[in-house]
């Protein structure tokens, strides 16, 4: 078993040398809700804003539907909540 200790500080997570998928070209995005000032692509495409926010409260879904099958080597998730303490729960599913 190979093990590596990583830091929990998200500012120290290195993304150098990683190639991110061109989601504009490769996938369709379905979602339940978004604030106009915080669209869903702000969470999925680097440099497109300060992240996504739902317009409506409650359970939310973001679904990526790839046009062609993809091999994914890394999925990076980051949740920032600065206004109130809360627990984030997420599920990652693969449908074949």
C-alpha atoms as a PDB file:
ATOM      1  CA  UNK A   1       0.000   0.000   0.000  1.00  0.00           C
ATOM      2  CA  UNK A   2       1.365   3.416  -0.972  1.00  0.00           C
ATOM      3  CA  UNK A   3       0.559   6.258   1.423  1.00  0.00           C
ATOM      4  CA  UNK A   4       1.079  10.004   1.302  1.00  0.00           C
ATOM      5  CA  UNK A   5       0.168  12.529   3.979  1.00  0.00           C
ATOM      6  CA  UNK A   6      -1.393  15.652   2.497  1.00  0.00           C
ATOM      7  CA  UNK A   7      -2.089  19.034   4.057  1.00  0.00           C
ATOM      8  CA  UNK A   8      -5.656  19.996   4.820  1.00  0.00           C
ATOM      9  CA  UNK A   9      -5.068  23.658   3.896  1.00  0.00           C
ATOM     10  CA  UNK A  10      -6.765  24.059   0.461  1.00  0.00           C
ATOM     11  CA  UNK A  11      -4.529  26.993  -0.446  1.00  0.00           C
ATOM     12  CA  UNK A  12      -1.547  24.640  -0.449  1.00  0.00           C
ATOM     13  CA  UNK A  13      -3.060  22.098  -2.833  1.00  0.00           C
ATOM     14  CA  UNK A  14      -0.955  22.099  -5.985  1.00  0.00           C
ATOM     15  CA  UNK A  15      -2.611  22.013  -9.384  1.00  0.00           C
ATOM     16  CA  UNK A  16       0.556  22.744 -11.344  1.00  0.00           C
ATOM     17  CA  UNK A  17       1.071  20.479 -14.285  1.00  0.00           C
ATOM     18  CA  UNK A  18      -2.475  19.147 -14.222  1.00  0.00           C
ATOM     19  CA  UNK A  19      -4.550  19.298 -17.373  1.00  0.00           C
ATOM     20  CA  UNK A  20      -8.214  20.056 -16.759  1.00  0.00           C
ATOM     21  CA  UNK A  21     -10.979  18.867 -19.047  1.00  0.00           C
ATOM     22  CA  UNK A  22     -12.513  21.321 -21.500  1.00  0.00           C
ATOM     23  CA  UNK A  23     -16.048  20.922 -20.179  1.00  0.00           C
ATOM     24  CA  UNK A  24     -17.408  23.523 -22.605  1.00  0.00           C
ATOM     25  CA  UNK A  25     -16.542  21.122 -25.404  1.00  0.00           C
ATOM     26  CA  UNK A  26     -16.857  17.704 -23.739  1.00  0.00           C
ATOM     27  CA  UNK A  27     -19.952  17.792 -21.560  1.00  0.00           C
ATOM     28  CA  UNK A  28     -23.443  19.068 -21.048  1.00  0.00           C
ATOM     29  CA  UNK A  29     -24.280  20.380 -17.569  1.00  0.00           C
ATOM     30  CA  UNK A  30     -27.633  19.893 -15.868  1.00  0.00           C
ATOM     31  CA  UNK A  31     -28.378  21.531 -12.506  1.00  0.00           C
ATOM     32  CA  UNK A  32     -31.276  22.269 -10.184  1.00  0.00           C
ATOM     33  CA  UNK A  33     -30.671  25.942  -9.412  1.00  0.00           C
ATOM     34  CA  UNK A  34     -28.164  28.793  -9.689  1.00  0.00           C
ATOM     35  CA  UNK A  35     -27.830  32.415  -8.590  1.00  0.00           C
ATOM     36  CA  UNK A  36     -27.343  34.758 -11.532  1.00  0.00           C
ATOM     37  CA  UNK A  37     -24.141  36.192 -10.022  1.00  0.00           C
ATOM     38  CA  UNK A  38     -22.767  32.691  -9.270  1.00  0.00           C
ATOM     39  CA  UNK A  39     -23.486  30.457 -12.291  1.00  0.00           C
ATOM     40  CA  UNK A  40     -22.686  26.756 -12.305  1.00  0.00           C
ATOM     41  CA  UNK A  41     -19.803  27.148 -14.781  1.00  0.00           C
ATOM     42  CA  UNK A  42     -18.003  29.258 -12.140  1.00  0.00           C
ATOM     43  CA  UNK A  43     -17.603  26.046 -10.143  1.00  0.00           C
ATOM     44  CA  UNK A  44     -16.535  23.876 -13.064  1.00  0.00           C
ATOM     45  CA  UNK A  45     -14.259  26.015 -15.237  1.00  0.00           C
ATOM     46  CA  UNK A  46     -11.160  27.654 -13.705  1.00  0.00           C
ATOM     47  CA  UNK A  47     -11.167  31.446 -13.946  1.00  0.00           C
ATOM     48  CA  UNK A  48     -14.930  31.795 -14.463  1.00  0.00           C
ATOM     49  CA  UNK A  49     -15.779  33.401 -11.140  1.00  0.00           C
ATOM     50  CA  UNK A  50     -16.037  32.831  -7.424  1.00  0.00           C
ATOM     51  CA  UNK A  51     -17.961  29.581  -7.578  1.00  0.00           C
ATOM     52  CA  UNK A  52     -21.538  28.395  -7.855  1.00  0.00           C
ATOM     53  CA  UNK A  53     -24.421  29.130  -5.516  1.00  0.00           C
ATOM     54  CA  UNK A  54     -27.900  27.690  -5.632  1.00  0.00           C
ATOM     55  CA  UNK A  55     -30.766  30.138  -5.912  1.00  0.00           C
ATOM     56  CA  UNK A  56     -33.138  27.892  -3.959  1.00  0.00           C
ATOM     57  CA  UNK A  57     -32.421  26.245  -0.581  1.00  0.00           C
ATOM     58  CA  UNK A  58     -32.335  22.501  -0.138  1.00  0.00           C
ATOM     59  CA  UNK A  59     -30.741  19.553  -1.884  1.00  0.00           C
ATOM     60  CA  UNK A  60     -28.998  20.463  -5.132  1.00  0.00           C
ATOM     61  CA  UNK A  61     -27.786  18.446  -8.097  1.00  0.00           C
ATOM     62  CA  UNK A  62     -25.090  19.210 -10.652  1.00  0.00           C
ATOM     63  CA  UNK A  63     -24.854  16.571 -13.368  1.00  0.00           C
ATOM     64  CA  UNK A  64     -22.122  16.359 -16.014  1.00  0.00           C
ATOM     65  CA  UNK A  65     -23.143  14.393 -19.084  1.00  0.00           C
ATOM     66  CA  UNK A  66     -20.140  13.649 -21.268  1.00  0.00           C
ATOM     67  CA  UNK A  67     -20.654  13.358 -25.024  1.00  0.00           C
ATOM     68  CA  UNK A  68     -18.100  10.516 -25.169  1.00  0.00           C
ATOM     69  CA  UNK A  69     -16.884   8.136 -22.421  1.00  0.00           C
ATOM     70  CA  UNK A  70     -14.045   9.712 -20.417  1.00  0.00           C
ATOM     71  CA  UNK A  71     -11.242   8.315 -18.305  1.00  0.00           C
ATOM     72  CA  UNK A  72     -10.931  10.493 -15.207  1.00  0.00           C
ATOM     73  CA  UNK A  73      -7.801  10.396 -13.094  1.00  0.00           C
ATOM     74  CA  UNK A  74      -8.654  13.078 -10.518  1.00  0.00           C
ATOM     75  CA  UNK A  75     -11.821  14.793  -9.349  1.00  0.00           C
ATOM     76  CA  UNK A  76     -11.198  17.863  -7.201  1.00  0.00           C
ATOM     77  CA  UNK A  77     -14.057  19.038  -4.969  1.00  0.00           C
ATOM     78  CA  UNK A  78     -13.921  22.159  -2.829  1.00  0.00           C
ATOM     79  CA  UNK A  79     -16.698  23.584  -0.673  1.00  0.00           C
ATOM     80  CA  UNK A  80     -16.362  27.102   0.756  1.00  0.00           C
ATOM     81  CA  UNK A  81     -18.985  28.399   3.188  1.00  0.00           C
ATOM     82  CA  UNK A  82     -17.994  31.646   4.844  1.00  0.00           C
ATOM     83  CA  UNK A  83     -21.381  32.949   6.002  1.00  0.00           C
ATOM     84  CA  UNK A  84     -22.638  30.206   8.327  1.00  0.00           C
ATOM     85  CA  UNK A  85     -21.527  26.898   9.777  1.00  0.00           C
ATOM     86  CA  UNK A  86     -22.999  23.940   7.951  1.00  0.00           C
ATOM     87  CA  UNK A  87     -22.221  20.405   6.931  1.00  0.00           C
ATOM     88  CA  UNK A  88     -21.784  19.673   3.230  1.00  0.00           C
ATOM     89  CA  UNK A  89     -22.833  16.267   2.012  1.00  0.00           C
ATOM     90  CA  UNK A  90     -22.158  15.093  -1.520  1.00  0.00           C
ATOM     91  CA  UNK A  91     -22.471  11.961  -3.595  1.00  0.00           C
ATOM     92  CA  UNK A  92     -20.408  11.139  -6.647  1.00  0.00           C
ATOM     93  CA  UNK A  93     -22.110   8.675  -9.002  1.00  0.00           C
ATOM     94  CA  UNK A  94     -21.209   7.014 -12.263  1.00  0.00           C
ATOM     95  CA  UNK A  95     -23.907   5.895 -14.649  1.00  0.00           C
ATOM     96  CA  UNK A  96     -22.948   3.560 -17.463  1.00  0.00           C
END
